[in-house]
Amino acid sequence: MQFWKMNGAGNDFIILNNLEERLPPSAFPLLARTLCTPHRSLGADGLMVVEQAQEGADFKMLFFNSDGSLGEMCGNGARCICRYGYETGLSGPTQTVETTAGLVTGTRIDRRQYRVQLNSPTIIRLHEAPVVEGKAWPCAYVELGSPGLPHAVVPYPGLADADPQALFQLGKALRSHPAFPKGANVNFYESTGPDQVLEKTFERGVEDFTLACGTGTGSVVAVLTLLGQVSGQGVQVSMAGGVLTIDVARTGDRITGLWLTGPTNLVAKGEVFDEELPPSFSPCG
């Protein structure tokens, strides 16, 4: 199997082109779990599989978390796969990508910078307060696209200096809290200046913090825009993997558009020889 390894602001992915590999869909969860395991294989936050589009897009993206679960969408992954589409001739400088959560449009800015329009919010609840160990945590809940990709948006003063273990335990508890029946990506944030935000995301399916989360960043800025805490234009969100930019279109109390701009990094191209995979994945059979 041929693969690309890419990352968007440190959020890293393996890309397989199933238009060429022709693997059965049942193979993808095992592939994701195996190939995304650090140290033992390529290691990544997720696996993206290119398939034939069925709704008039340039191609279809299936996204699998590192635990093998199917994800609705991934913003940083979308930027990377838009670059993949452009550089492999699947699309032009504007890319249309079919995802589980709906159609995503990308634009090539230069060789490494890409801008994607995220799935618009279908649910925004600004005033949630799940209780963890007797303490209520005021937050917002957002779903992007349909079926919705779930995000909890949690203010956390002093985030930059937060105790990593305490934050991990809180993220883990909120990720599977009964208040969020689908589970949730948990986005802790702190405003650091005008249109400047610090964010750390505990990702569902990775079950840990990642270096960046594009859809989480969009969800945070959407909530802050509705609350009047950011302008919604050129909002800079700093994460461990780098800085992402979010632009918001708003009509009254509705968010009608979210755009994510940030870097892509092509790390490697090659062939998978992982001997932990079943023999059916081997060229030798």
Protein backbone atom coordinates (compact mmCIF):
# COMPACT_ATOMS: atom_id res chain seq x y z
CA MET A 1 0.00 0.00 0.00
CA GLN A 2 1.26 3.44 -0.91
CA PHE A 3 0.88 6.14 1.75
CA TRP A 4 1.50 9.81 2.46
CA LYS A 5 2.25 11.07 5.96
CA MET A 6 1.19 14.68 6.59
CA ASN A 7 0.42 16.98 9.45
CA GLY A 8 -1.52 20.20 9.89
CA ALA A 9 -0.16 22.26 12.79
CA GLY A 10 1.15 19.03 14.34
CA ASN A 11 -2.12 17.11 13.95
CA ASP A 12 -0.74 14.16 11.95
CA PHE A 13 -2.36 11.76 9.50
CA ILE A 14 -1.71 8.83 7.21
CA ILE A 15 -3.37 9.06 3.79
CA LEU A 16 -4.24 6.03 1.67
CA ASN A 17 -5.74 6.31 -1.82
CA ASN A 18 -8.36 3.59 -2.04
CA LEU A 19 -9.11 4.52 -5.65
CA GLU A 20 -5.86 2.65 -6.28
CA GLU A 21 -5.60 0.22 -3.35
CA ARG A 22 -9.20 -1.06 -3.62
CA LEU A 23 -9.40 -2.32 -0.05
CA PRO A 24 -12.76 -3.35 1.42
CA PRO A 25 -14.32 -0.84 3.87
CA SER A 26 -14.15 -3.47 6.62
CA ALA A 27 -10.34 -3.18 6.55
CA PHE A 28 -10.14 0.49 7.53
CA PRO A 29 -10.66 0.29 11.34
CA LEU A 30 -7.91 -2.31 11.73
CA LEU A 31 -5.65 -0.34 9.39
CA ALA A 32 -6.19 2.79 11.47
CA ARG A 33 -5.49 1.06 14.78
CA THR A 34 -2.36 -0.63 13.44
CA LEU A 35 -0.78 2.12 11.35
CA CYS A 36 -1.54 4.95 13.80
CA THR A 37 0.17 3.20 16.73
CA PRO A 38 3.33 5.16 17.65
CA HIS A 39 6.64 3.33 17.94
CA ARG A 40 5.19 0.10 16.50
CA SER A 41 4.08 1.53 13.16
CA LEU A 42 3.91 4.85 11.31
CA GLY A 43 2.13 6.59 14.18
CA ALA A 44 -0.54 9.26 13.65
CA ASP A 45 -3.63 10.87 15.12
CA GLY A 46 -5.77 9.46 12.34
CA LEU A 47 -6.09 7.66 9.01
CA MET A 48 -7.67 9.34 5.98
CA VAL A 49 -8.87 7.21 3.09
CA VAL A 50 -9.56 8.68 -0.36
CA GLU A 51 -12.64 7.17 -2.00
CA GLN A 52 -14.81 7.88 -5.03
CA ALA A 53 -17.19 10.77 -4.39
CA GLN A 54 -20.91 10.06 -4.68
CA GLU A 55 -22.25 13.62 -4.43
CA GLY A 56 -20.41 15.51 -7.17
CA ALA A 57 -17.25 16.34 -5.19
CA ASP A 58 -13.70 15.88 -6.46
CA PHE A 59 -13.25 12.93 -4.09
CA LYS A 60 -14.48 11.53 -0.79
CA MET A 61 -12.57 11.48 2.49
CA LEU A 62 -13.19 8.85 5.14
CA PHE A 63 -11.59 9.77 8.44
CA PHE A 64 -10.70 7.21 11.10
CA ASN A 65 -9.42 8.08 14.55
CA SER A 66 -6.36 6.26 15.86
CA ASP A 67 -8.62 3.91 17.84
CA GLY A 68 -10.27 2.77 14.60
CA SER A 69 -13.54 4.65 15.10
CA LEU A 70 -15.04 6.55 12.17
CA GLY A 71 -14.90 10.33 12.62
CA GLU A 72 -17.39 12.70 11.05
CA MET A 73 -14.75 15.20 9.88
CA CYS A 74 -11.35 16.67 10.73
CA GLY A 75 -10.41 20.26 9.94
CA ASN A 76 -6.64 19.88 9.97
CA GLY A 77 -7.02 16.62 8.08
CA ALA A 78 -9.21 18.34 5.50
CA ARG A 79 -6.49 20.90 4.79
CA CYS A 80 -3.96 18.12 4.34
CA ILE A 81 -6.18 16.04 2.07
CA CYS A 82 -7.01 19.11 -0.01
CA ARG A 83 -3.28 19.50 -0.65
CA TYR A 84 -3.08 15.78 -1.42
CA GLY A 85 -5.91 16.17 -3.92
CA TYR A 86 -4.24 19.12 -5.62
CA GLU A 87 -0.77 17.55 -5.81
CA THR A 88 -2.04 14.20 -7.10
CA GLY A 89 -4.31 15.74 -9.73
CA LEU A 90 -7.60 14.72 -8.12
CA SER A 91 -8.60 18.39 -7.91
CA GLY A 92 -7.55 21.86 -8.94
CA PRO A 93 -6.59 24.87 -6.77
CA THR A 94 -10.13 24.76 -5.34
CA GLN A 95 -11.07 21.41 -3.85
CA THR A 96 -14.47 19.93 -3.04
CA VAL A 97 -14.33 17.02 -0.61
CA GLU A 98 -17.20 14.78 0.43
CA THR A 99 -17.04 13.91 4.14
CA THR A 100 -19.27 11.97 6.50
CA ALA A 101 -20.50 15.30 7.94
CA GLY A 102 -21.12 16.95 4.56
CA LEU A 103 -19.30 18.74 1.76
CA VAL A 104 -16.09 20.64 2.55
CA THR A 105 -14.50 23.16 0.19
CA GLY A 106 -10.77 23.91 0.23
CA THR A 107 -8.59 26.56 -1.38
CA ARG A 108 -4.86 26.45 -2.06
CA ILE A 109 -3.24 29.68 -0.86
CA ASP A 110 0.34 28.65 -1.56
CA ARG A 111 2.37 25.44 -1.51
CA ARG A 112 1.78 24.81 2.20
CA GLN A 113 -1.10 27.07 3.27
CA TYR A 114 -4.65 25.88 2.68
CA ARG A 115 -8.02 27.30 3.70
CA VAL A 116 -11.09 25.10 4.17
CA GLN A 117 -14.70 25.93 4.86
CA LEU A 118 -15.68 23.78 7.80
CA ASN A 119 -19.11 22.23 8.12
CA SER A 120 -21.43 24.86 9.58
CA PRO A 121 -22.76 24.41 13.11
CA THR A 122 -26.04 22.53 13.23
CA ILE A 123 -26.30 22.74 17.04
CA ILE A 124 -24.95 25.42 19.38
CA ARG A 125 -25.92 25.45 23.05
CA LEU A 126 -24.10 28.26 24.81
CA HIS A 127 -25.00 27.39 28.39
CA GLU A 128 -24.18 23.88 29.51
CA ALA A 129 -22.84 22.96 32.97
CA PRO A 130 -21.81 19.30 33.27
CA VAL A 131 -20.80 18.28 36.78
CA VAL A 132 -17.49 16.48 37.37
CA GLU A 133 -16.69 15.33 40.91
CA GLY A 134 -19.23 17.72 42.39
CA LYS A 135 -18.12 20.79 40.42
CA ALA A 136 -20.10 22.32 37.57
CA TRP A 137 -18.09 23.34 34.51
CA PRO A 138 -19.89 26.08 32.53
CA CYS A 139 -19.30 25.47 28.83
CA ALA A 140 -20.90 25.45 25.40
CA TYR A 141 -21.77 22.52 23.16
CA VAL A 142 -21.38 22.61 19.36
CA GLU A 143 -22.01 20.14 16.57
CA LEU A 144 -20.57 20.81 13.12
CA GLY A 145 -22.25 19.31 10.05
CA SER A 146 -24.76 16.48 9.84
CA PRO A 147 -24.32 14.02 11.41
CA GLY A 148 -22.76 16.50 13.79
CA LEU A 149 -19.16 16.39 14.97
CA PRO A 150 -19.49 17.10 18.73
CA HIS A 151 -17.42 19.65 20.64
CA ALA A 152 -17.49 20.93 24.20
CA VAL A 153 -16.07 24.47 24.48
CA VAL A 154 -14.76 25.00 28.01
CA PRO A 155 -13.28 28.27 29.38
CA TYR A 156 -10.25 27.56 31.56
CA PRO A 157 -8.50 30.57 33.15
CA GLY A 158 -4.77 30.02 33.51
CA LEU A 159 -4.77 27.38 30.77
CA ALA A 160 -1.17 28.05 29.81
CA ASP A 161 0.01 27.02 33.29
CA ALA A 162 -2.58 24.33 33.98
CA ASP A 163 -1.43 21.10 35.60
CA PRO A 164 -1.22 18.59 32.70
CA GLN A 165 -2.48 15.61 34.71
CA ALA A 166 -5.42 17.50 36.18
CA LEU A 167 -6.37 18.82 32.74
CA PHE A 168 -6.09 15.32 31.28
CA GLN A 169 -8.41 13.86 33.92
CA LEU A 170 -10.95 16.66 33.41
CA GLY A 171 -10.79 16.27 29.62
CA LYS A 172 -11.28 12.52 29.93
CA ALA A 173 -14.29 12.99 32.23
CA LEU A 174 -15.97 15.59 30.02
CA ARG A 175 -15.25 13.65 26.81
CA SER A 176 -17.65 10.88 27.89
CA HIS A 177 -19.93 12.89 30.17
CA PRO A 178 -23.65 11.92 30.07
CA ALA A 179 -24.42 15.53 29.09
CA PHE A 180 -22.86 14.70 25.71
CA PRO A 181 -24.53 11.46 24.52
CA LYS A 182 -22.34 11.23 21.40
CA GLY A 183 -19.20 11.90 23.40
CA ALA A 184 -17.34 15.12 22.67
CA ASN A 185 -14.01 16.60 21.74
CA VAL A 186 -13.18 18.81 24.72
CA ASN A 187 -11.73 22.20 23.81
CA PHE A 188 -10.28 24.14 26.74
CA TYR A 189 -9.60 27.78 25.92
CA GLU A 190 -8.39 31.05 27.36
CA SER A 191 -8.61 34.48 25.73
CA THR A 192 -5.13 35.99 25.62
CA GLY A 193 -5.81 39.29 23.80
CA PRO A 194 -8.03 40.92 21.17
CA ASP A 195 -8.91 38.11 18.72
CA GLN A 196 -6.23 35.96 20.34
CA VAL A 197 -7.08 32.60 21.93
CA LEU A 198 -5.09 29.78 23.53
CA GLU A 199 -6.62 26.32 23.09
CA LYS A 200 -5.92 22.74 24.15
CA THR A 201 -8.11 19.91 22.84
CA PHE A 202 -8.72 16.45 24.27
CA GLU A 203 -9.83 14.51 21.20
CA ARG A 204 -12.47 11.82 21.10
CA GLY A 205 -11.06 8.74 19.35
CA VAL A 206 -7.47 9.67 20.18
CA GLU A 207 -8.35 9.80 23.91
CA ASP A 208 -5.62 12.29 24.62
CA PHE A 209 -4.60 15.84 23.84
CA THR A 210 -3.42 16.46 20.28
CA LEU A 211 -1.15 19.24 19.06
CA ALA A 212 -4.04 20.90 17.21
CA CYS A 213 -7.71 20.42 16.34
CA GLY A 214 -9.15 22.36 13.41
CA THR A 215 -12.84 21.68 14.01
CA GLY A 216 -12.32 22.37 17.71
CA THR A 217 -10.73 25.69 16.87
CA GLY A 218 -13.69 26.57 14.67
CA SER A 219 -16.12 25.58 17.43
CA VAL A 220 -14.33 27.73 20.01
CA VAL A 221 -14.31 30.81 17.78
CA ALA A 222 -17.95 30.28 16.78
CA VAL A 223 -18.96 30.32 20.45
CA LEU A 224 -16.78 33.32 21.32
CA THR A 225 -18.19 35.21 18.33
CA LEU A 226 -21.76 34.65 19.51
CA LEU A 227 -20.76 35.70 23.03
CA GLY A 228 -19.21 38.90 21.66
CA GLN A 229 -15.74 38.06 22.95
CA VAL A 230 -14.02 38.02 19.53
CA SER A 231 -14.73 39.78 16.23
CA GLY A 232 -15.00 36.56 14.23
CA GLN A 233 -12.56 37.88 11.60
CA GLY A 234 -8.97 36.66 11.48
CA VAL A 235 -9.10 35.19 14.99
CA GLN A 236 -5.74 33.68 15.85
CA VAL A 237 -5.87 30.47 17.88
CA SER A 238 -2.63 29.18 19.36
CA MET A 239 -2.23 25.48 20.05
CA ALA A 240 0.80 23.35 20.86
CA GLY A 241 1.28 22.60 17.15
CA GLY A 242 1.06 26.18 15.89
CA VAL A 243 -1.37 28.97 15.07
CA LEU A 244 -4.64 28.51 13.16
CA THR A 245 -6.84 31.31 11.83
CA ILE A 246 -10.64 31.26 11.93
CA ASP A 247 -13.09 33.51 10.06
CA VAL A 248 -16.78 33.46 10.87
CA ALA A 249 -19.89 34.45 8.93
CA ARG A 250 -22.74 35.38 11.27
CA THR A 251 -26.38 36.30 10.74
CA GLY A 252 -27.93 37.42 14.01
CA ASP A 253 -27.52 34.61 16.50
CA ARG A 254 -26.66 32.06 13.79
CA ILE A 255 -23.22 31.04 12.53
CA THR A 256 -23.61 30.55 8.78
CA GLY A 257 -19.98 29.89 7.82
CA LEU A 258 -16.65 28.88 9.35
CA TRP A 259 -13.29 29.04 7.56
CA LEU A 260 -10.06 27.51 8.84
CA THR A 261 -6.68 28.61 7.49
CA GLY A 262 -3.38 27.03 8.42
CA PRO A 263 -0.27 25.14 7.36
CA THR A 264 0.18 21.69 5.91
CA ASN A 265 3.37 19.68 6.10
CA LEU A 266 4.18 16.77 3.81
CA VAL A 267 6.44 14.52 5.89
CA ALA A 268 6.86 11.33 3.86
CA LYS A 269 5.65 9.25 0.94
CA GLY A 270 6.25 5.54 0.85
CA GLU A 271 5.02 1.99 0.99
CA VAL A 272 3.54 0.22 4.00
CA PHE A 273 5.31 -3.02 4.99
CA ASP A 274 3.86 -3.36 8.50
CA GLU A 275 4.14 -7.08 9.31
CA GLU A 276 1.62 -6.79 12.15
CA LEU A 277 -1.14 -6.50 9.55
CA PRO A 278 -2.92 -9.73 8.52
CA PRO A 279 -1.48 -11.55 5.48
CA SER A 280 -4.41 -10.34 3.36
CA PHE A 281 -2.86 -6.84 3.46
CA SER A 282 0.51 -8.07 2.22
CA PRO A 283 1.56 -7.88 -1.45
CA CYS A 284 2.57 -11.54 -1.00
CA GLY A 285 -0.90 -12.47 0.24
